[in-house]
Amino acid sequence: LKVNNFNDVAKDTLDEWVYFLKNSEVKDNFKAKGLDKAKEKLRYESLTEEEKKMYDRFQENRRIENSVSYTARQERNVEIAKNLISLGSDNEFIAKATELTVEQIEQLRSIKK
């Protein structure tokens, strides 16, 4: 590929990648697979070191929040499942109501005995 001879007119997804490689830019209307990630990486690389640190901290906090939220939701689902077990509900119903697997529900049943 002769990138320098490219006329900057993207007619297909390969052209979009060539445009990106030549210009270090991803236009908003580009649809090529993976270019969205390349655009994010470009945006990140354009940040100052301080901005990168702040962004990284923000992303880490989001990961932690998501993890805590997921754990809390799972714990809540287990409590709901235990209540439904005590009410005599079947495993399939409990699985639908709680997003737990049938195997997880069976484990809860075996613990209760």
N, C-alpha and C. Protein backbone atom coordinates (compact mmCIF):
# COMPACT_ATOMS: atom_id res chain seq x y z
N LEU A 1 0.83 -1.19 0.00
CA LEU A 1 0.00 0.00 0.00
C LEU A 1 0.87 1.25 0.00
N LYS A 2 0.54 2.14 -0.85
CA LYS A 2 1.25 3.42 -0.88
C LYS A 2 0.35 4.47 -0.24
N VAL A 3 0.53 4.60 1.05
CA VAL A 3 -0.33 5.48 1.83
C VAL A 3 -0.20 6.93 1.38
N ASN A 4 1.00 7.35 1.04
CA ASN A 4 1.20 8.74 0.64
C ASN A 4 0.47 9.09 -0.66
N ASN A 5 0.19 8.10 -1.49
CA ASN A 5 -0.53 8.35 -2.74
C ASN A 5 -2.05 8.34 -2.54
N PHE A 6 -2.48 8.02 -1.36
CA PHE A 6 -3.91 7.96 -1.06
C PHE A 6 -4.48 9.38 -1.11
N ASN A 7 -5.61 9.54 -1.79
CA ASN A 7 -6.18 10.89 -2.00
C ASN A 7 -7.14 11.34 -0.90
N ASP A 8 -7.13 10.66 0.22
CA ASP A 8 -7.95 11.01 1.39
C ASP A 8 -9.45 10.89 1.17
N VAL A 9 -9.85 10.14 0.17
CA VAL A 9 -11.27 9.87 -0.05
C VAL A 9 -11.52 8.42 0.32
N ALA A 10 -12.26 8.22 1.40
CA ALA A 10 -12.52 6.87 1.88
C ALA A 10 -13.79 6.33 1.24
N LYS A 11 -13.60 5.34 0.36
CA LYS A 11 -14.75 4.75 -0.34
C LYS A 11 -15.22 3.47 0.32
N ASP A 12 -14.35 2.85 1.11
CA ASP A 12 -14.71 1.61 1.79
C ASP A 12 -13.94 1.54 3.11
N THR A 13 -14.13 0.45 3.84
CA THR A 13 -13.52 0.36 5.16
C THR A 13 -11.99 0.28 5.10
N LEU A 14 -11.45 -0.33 4.05
CA LEU A 14 -9.99 -0.34 3.91
C LEU A 14 -9.47 1.08 3.73
N ASP A 15 -10.17 1.86 2.92
CA ASP A 15 -9.79 3.26 2.74
C ASP A 15 -9.85 4.03 4.06
N GLU A 16 -10.83 3.69 4.89
CA GLU A 16 -10.93 4.36 6.19
C GLU A 16 -9.69 4.09 7.03
N TRP A 17 -9.22 2.85 7.01
CA TRP A 17 -8.00 2.51 7.75
C TRP A 17 -6.79 3.22 7.16
N VAL A 18 -6.71 3.28 5.84
CA VAL A 18 -5.58 3.97 5.20
C VAL A 18 -5.62 5.45 5.57
N TYR A 19 -6.81 6.03 5.55
CA TYR A 19 -6.96 7.44 5.95
C TYR A 19 -6.46 7.63 7.38
N PHE A 20 -6.86 6.74 8.26
CA PHE A 20 -6.42 6.81 9.66
C PHE A 20 -4.90 6.72 9.76
N LEU A 21 -4.31 5.77 9.05
CA LEU A 21 -2.86 5.59 9.12
C LEU A 21 -2.11 6.79 8.56
N LYS A 22 -2.66 7.39 7.54
CA LYS A 22 -2.00 8.54 6.91
C LYS A 22 -2.18 9.81 7.73
N ASN A 23 -3.38 10.01 8.28
CA ASN A 23 -3.72 11.29 8.90
C ASN A 23 -3.82 11.27 10.42
N SER A 24 -3.70 10.10 11.02
CA SER A 24 -3.88 9.97 12.47
C SER A 24 -5.18 10.60 12.92
N GLU A 25 -6.22 10.29 12.17
CA GLU A 25 -7.55 10.85 12.45
C GLU A 25 -8.60 9.83 12.03
N VAL A 26 -9.68 9.78 12.79
CA VAL A 26 -10.81 8.93 12.44
C VAL A 26 -12.03 9.85 12.32
N LYS A 27 -12.57 9.93 11.13
CA LYS A 27 -13.75 10.78 10.94
C LYS A 27 -14.97 10.13 11.59
N ASP A 28 -15.91 10.96 12.01
CA ASP A 28 -17.09 10.47 12.71
C ASP A 28 -17.92 9.49 11.89
N ASN A 29 -17.90 9.62 10.57
CA ASN A 29 -18.73 8.76 9.73
C ASN A 29 -18.05 7.44 9.36
N PHE A 30 -16.83 7.22 9.81
CA PHE A 30 -16.13 5.97 9.49
C PHE A 30 -16.76 4.81 10.26
N LYS A 31 -16.87 3.67 9.58
CA LYS A 31 -17.54 2.51 10.16
C LYS A 31 -16.66 1.26 10.24
N ALA A 32 -15.42 1.34 9.80
CA ALA A 32 -14.55 0.16 9.76
C ALA A 32 -14.38 -0.44 11.15
N LYS A 33 -14.42 -1.75 11.18
CA LYS A 33 -14.28 -2.47 12.44
C LYS A 33 -12.94 -2.13 13.09
N GLY A 34 -13.00 -1.79 14.37
CA GLY A 34 -11.79 -1.49 15.12
C GLY A 34 -11.38 -0.03 15.13
N LEU A 35 -11.92 0.76 14.21
CA LEU A 35 -11.54 2.17 14.18
C LEU A 35 -12.04 2.94 15.39
N ASP A 36 -13.14 2.49 15.96
CA ASP A 36 -13.63 3.17 17.16
C ASP A 36 -12.61 3.05 18.30
N LYS A 37 -11.98 1.89 18.40
CA LYS A 37 -10.94 1.71 19.42
C LYS A 37 -9.69 2.53 19.08
N ALA A 38 -9.37 2.59 17.80
CA ALA A 38 -8.22 3.39 17.38
C ALA A 38 -8.47 4.87 17.69
N LYS A 39 -9.70 5.31 17.49
CA LYS A 39 -10.06 6.70 17.78
C LYS A 39 -9.91 6.99 19.27
N GLU A 40 -10.37 6.06 20.10
CA GLU A 40 -10.22 6.24 21.55
C GLU A 40 -8.75 6.29 21.95
N LYS A 41 -7.95 5.42 21.34
CA LYS A 41 -6.51 5.40 21.64
C LYS A 41 -5.86 6.72 21.22
N LEU A 42 -6.24 7.23 20.06
CA LEU A 42 -5.73 8.53 19.61
C LEU A 42 -6.09 9.63 20.60
N ARG A 43 -7.34 9.60 21.03
CA ARG A 43 -7.81 10.61 21.98
C ARG A 43 -7.01 10.52 23.28
N TYR A 44 -6.80 9.29 23.75
CA TYR A 44 -6.03 9.09 24.98
C TYR A 44 -4.60 9.58 24.82
N GLU A 45 -3.99 9.24 23.71
CA GLU A 45 -2.59 9.63 23.48
C GLU A 45 -2.42 11.13 23.33
N SER A 46 -3.49 11.84 23.02
CA SER A 46 -3.39 13.29 22.88
C SER A 46 -3.49 14.01 24.24
N LEU A 47 -3.81 13.26 25.29
CA LEU A 47 -3.92 13.86 26.62
C LEU A 47 -2.54 14.15 27.20
N THR A 48 -2.50 15.12 28.10
CA THR A 48 -1.26 15.37 28.83
C THR A 48 -1.07 14.24 29.84
N GLU A 49 0.11 14.16 30.41
CA GLU A 49 0.37 13.11 31.41
C GLU A 49 -0.58 13.23 32.59
N GLU A 50 -0.83 14.45 33.03
CA GLU A 50 -1.75 14.67 34.14
C GLU A 50 -3.17 14.22 33.77
N GLU A 51 -3.60 14.56 32.57
CA GLU A 51 -4.93 14.15 32.11
C GLU A 51 -5.03 12.63 32.00
N LYS A 52 -3.94 12.00 31.55
CA LYS A 52 -3.93 10.53 31.46
C LYS A 52 -4.08 9.91 32.85
N LYS A 53 -3.37 10.47 33.82
CA LYS A 53 -3.49 9.95 35.19
C LYS A 53 -4.91 10.10 35.71
N MET A 54 -5.51 11.25 35.46
CA MET A 54 -6.89 11.48 35.90
C MET A 54 -7.84 10.52 35.19
N TYR A 55 -7.65 10.33 33.90
CA TYR A 55 -8.50 9.43 33.12
C TYR A 55 -8.35 7.99 33.62
N ASP A 56 -7.11 7.58 33.85
CA ASP A 56 -6.85 6.23 34.34
C ASP A 56 -7.50 6.01 35.71
N ARG A 57 -7.40 7.01 36.58
CA ARG A 57 -8.05 6.92 37.89
C ARG A 57 -9.57 6.80 37.75
N PHE A 58 -10.12 7.60 36.85
CA PHE A 58 -11.55 7.56 36.59
C PHE A 58 -11.98 6.17 36.12
N GLN A 59 -11.23 5.60 35.17
CA GLN A 59 -11.56 4.27 34.64
C GLN A 59 -11.46 3.21 35.73
N GLU A 60 -10.44 3.30 36.56
CA GLU A 60 -10.28 2.34 37.65
C GLU A 60 -11.44 2.45 38.64
N ASN A 61 -11.84 3.67 38.95
CA ASN A 61 -12.99 3.87 39.85
C ASN A 61 -14.26 3.28 39.24
N ARG A 62 -14.43 3.44 37.95
CA ARG A 62 -15.61 2.85 37.28
C ARG A 62 -15.59 1.34 37.37
N ARG A 63 -14.41 0.74 37.16
CA ARG A 63 -14.29 -0.72 37.27
C ARG A 63 -14.65 -1.18 38.67
N ILE A 64 -14.16 -0.46 39.67
CA ILE A 64 -14.45 -0.83 41.06
C ILE A 64 -15.94 -0.69 41.34
N GLU A 65 -16.53 0.42 40.92
CA GLU A 65 -17.97 0.64 41.13
C GLU A 65 -18.79 -0.46 40.47
N ASN A 66 -18.42 -0.82 39.25
CA ASN A 66 -19.15 -1.88 38.54
C ASN A 66 -19.01 -3.21 39.26
N SER A 67 -17.84 -3.47 39.77
CA SER A 67 -17.60 -4.72 40.49
C SER A 67 -18.41 -4.76 41.78
N VAL A 68 -18.41 -3.67 42.51
CA VAL A 68 -19.16 -3.59 43.77
C VAL A 68 -20.65 -3.72 43.48
N SER A 69 -21.10 -3.05 42.45
CA SER A 69 -22.52 -3.10 42.08
C SER A 69 -22.92 -4.52 41.69
N TYR A 70 -22.07 -5.19 40.91
CA TYR A 70 -22.35 -6.56 40.49
C TYR A 70 -22.41 -7.48 41.71
N THR A 71 -21.46 -7.33 42.62
CA THR A 71 -21.42 -8.16 43.82
C THR A 71 -22.67 -7.95 44.66
N ALA A 72 -23.06 -6.70 44.83
CA ALA A 72 -24.26 -6.39 45.62
C ALA A 72 -25.50 -6.98 44.96
N ARG A 73 -25.57 -6.89 43.65
CA ARG A 73 -26.71 -7.44 42.92
C ARG A 73 -26.77 -8.96 43.07
N GLN A 74 -25.61 -9.60 42.99
CA GLN A 74 -25.56 -11.06 43.16
C GLN A 74 -25.99 -11.46 44.57
N GLU A 75 -25.51 -10.73 45.56
CA GLU A 75 -25.90 -11.03 46.94
C GLU A 75 -27.41 -10.86 47.12
N ARG A 76 -27.95 -9.82 46.53
CA ARG A 76 -29.41 -9.59 46.60
C ARG A 76 -30.15 -10.74 45.91
N ASN A 77 -29.66 -11.17 44.77
CA ASN A 77 -30.30 -12.28 44.05
C ASN A 77 -30.27 -13.57 44.86
N VAL A 78 -29.19 -13.79 45.58
CA VAL A 78 -29.10 -14.98 46.43
C VAL A 78 -30.15 -14.91 47.54
N GLU A 79 -30.30 -13.74 48.14
CA GLU A 79 -31.31 -13.58 49.19
C GLU A 79 -32.72 -13.80 48.65
N ILE A 80 -32.98 -13.26 47.47
CA ILE A 80 -34.30 -13.46 46.84
C ILE A 80 -34.51 -14.94 46.56
N ALA A 81 -33.48 -15.59 46.04
CA ALA A 81 -33.58 -17.03 45.74
C ALA A 81 -33.87 -17.83 47.00
N LYS A 82 -33.21 -17.50 48.08
CA LYS A 82 -33.46 -18.21 49.34
C LYS A 82 -34.92 -18.04 49.77
N ASN A 83 -35.43 -16.83 49.63
CA ASN A 83 -36.83 -16.59 49.98
C ASN A 83 -37.77 -17.38 49.08
N LEU A 84 -37.47 -17.40 47.79
CA LEU A 84 -38.32 -18.14 46.86
C LEU A 84 -38.24 -19.64 47.11
N ILE A 85 -37.08 -20.12 47.49
CA ILE A 85 -36.94 -21.54 47.85
C ILE A 85 -37.83 -21.85 49.04
N SER A 86 -37.79 -20.99 50.04
CA SER A 86 -38.60 -21.23 51.24
C SER A 86 -40.10 -21.15 50.94
N LEU A 87 -40.45 -20.46 49.87
CA LEU A 87 -41.86 -20.38 49.47
C LEU A 87 -42.27 -21.54 48.55
N GLY A 88 -41.29 -22.39 48.21
CA GLY A 88 -41.60 -23.56 47.41
C GLY A 88 -41.52 -23.36 45.90
N SER A 89 -40.90 -22.30 45.46
CA SER A 89 -40.78 -22.05 44.02
C SER A 89 -39.82 -23.04 43.37
N ASP A 90 -40.06 -23.34 42.09
CA ASP A 90 -39.18 -24.27 41.39
C ASP A 90 -37.94 -23.54 40.86
N ASN A 91 -36.92 -24.33 40.54
CA ASN A 91 -35.62 -23.77 40.14
C ASN A 91 -35.70 -22.88 38.90
N GLU A 92 -36.48 -23.28 37.92
CA GLU A 92 -36.57 -22.50 36.68
C GLU A 92 -37.17 -21.11 36.95
N PHE A 93 -38.20 -21.08 37.78
CA PHE A 93 -38.81 -19.80 38.12
C PHE A 93 -37.81 -18.91 38.87
N ILE A 94 -37.12 -19.50 39.82
CA ILE A 94 -36.14 -18.74 40.61
C ILE A 94 -35.02 -18.23 39.70
N ALA A 95 -34.59 -19.06 38.77
CA ALA A 95 -33.53 -18.65 37.85
C ALA A 95 -33.97 -17.44 37.03
N LYS A 96 -35.20 -17.47 36.55
CA LYS A 96 -35.72 -16.34 35.78
C LYS A 96 -35.84 -15.08 36.64
N ALA A 97 -36.24 -15.26 37.86
CA ALA A 97 -36.47 -14.12 38.75
C ALA A 97 -35.18 -13.49 39.26
N THR A 98 -34.12 -14.29 39.34
CA THR A 98 -32.90 -13.80 39.99
C THR A 98 -31.67 -13.72 39.10
N GLU A 99 -31.74 -14.28 37.91
CA GLU A 99 -30.59 -14.37 37.01
C GLU A 99 -29.50 -15.30 37.54
N LEU A 100 -29.81 -16.08 38.56
CA LEU A 100 -28.89 -17.12 39.01
C LEU A 100 -29.07 -18.33 38.11
N THR A 101 -28.06 -19.19 38.07
CA THR A 101 -28.19 -20.41 37.29
C THR A 101 -28.93 -21.46 38.12
N VAL A 102 -29.47 -22.44 37.43
CA VAL A 102 -30.15 -23.54 38.12
C VAL A 102 -29.17 -24.24 39.06
N GLU A 103 -27.92 -24.36 38.62
CA GLU A 103 -26.90 -25.00 39.45
C GLU A 103 -26.67 -24.21 40.75
N GLN A 104 -26.64 -22.90 40.65
CA GLN A 104 -26.46 -22.07 41.84
C GLN A 104 -27.65 -22.25 42.79
N ILE A 105 -28.83 -22.34 42.22
CA ILE A 105 -30.03 -22.51 43.04
C ILE A 105 -30.02 -23.87 43.72
N GLU A 106 -29.59 -24.89 42.99
CA GLU A 106 -29.49 -26.22 43.59
C GLU A 106 -28.49 -26.22 44.74
N GLN A 107 -27.41 -25.48 44.59
CA GLN A 107 -26.44 -25.36 45.69
C GLN A 107 -27.09 -24.70 46.91
N LEU A 108 -27.87 -23.67 46.66
CA LEU A 108 -28.56 -23.01 47.77
C LEU A 108 -29.54 -23.97 48.45
N ARG A 109 -30.22 -24.76 47.65
CA ARG A 109 -31.15 -25.75 48.22
C ARG A 109 -30.41 -26.75 49.09
N SER A 110 -29.25 -27.20 48.64
CA SER A 110 -28.50 -28.20 49.40
C SER A 110 -27.95 -27.62 50.70
N ILE A 111 -27.67 -26.34 50.72
CA ILE A 111 -27.18 -25.69 51.93
C ILE A 111 -28.30 -25.56 52.96
N LYS A 112 -29.51 -25.30 52.48
CA LYS A 112 -30.65 -25.10 53.38
C LYS A 112 -31.05 -26.38 54.10
N LYS A 113 -30.71 -27.54 53.54
CA LYS A 113 -31.15 -28.81 54.12
C LYS A 113 -30.35 -29.19 55.33
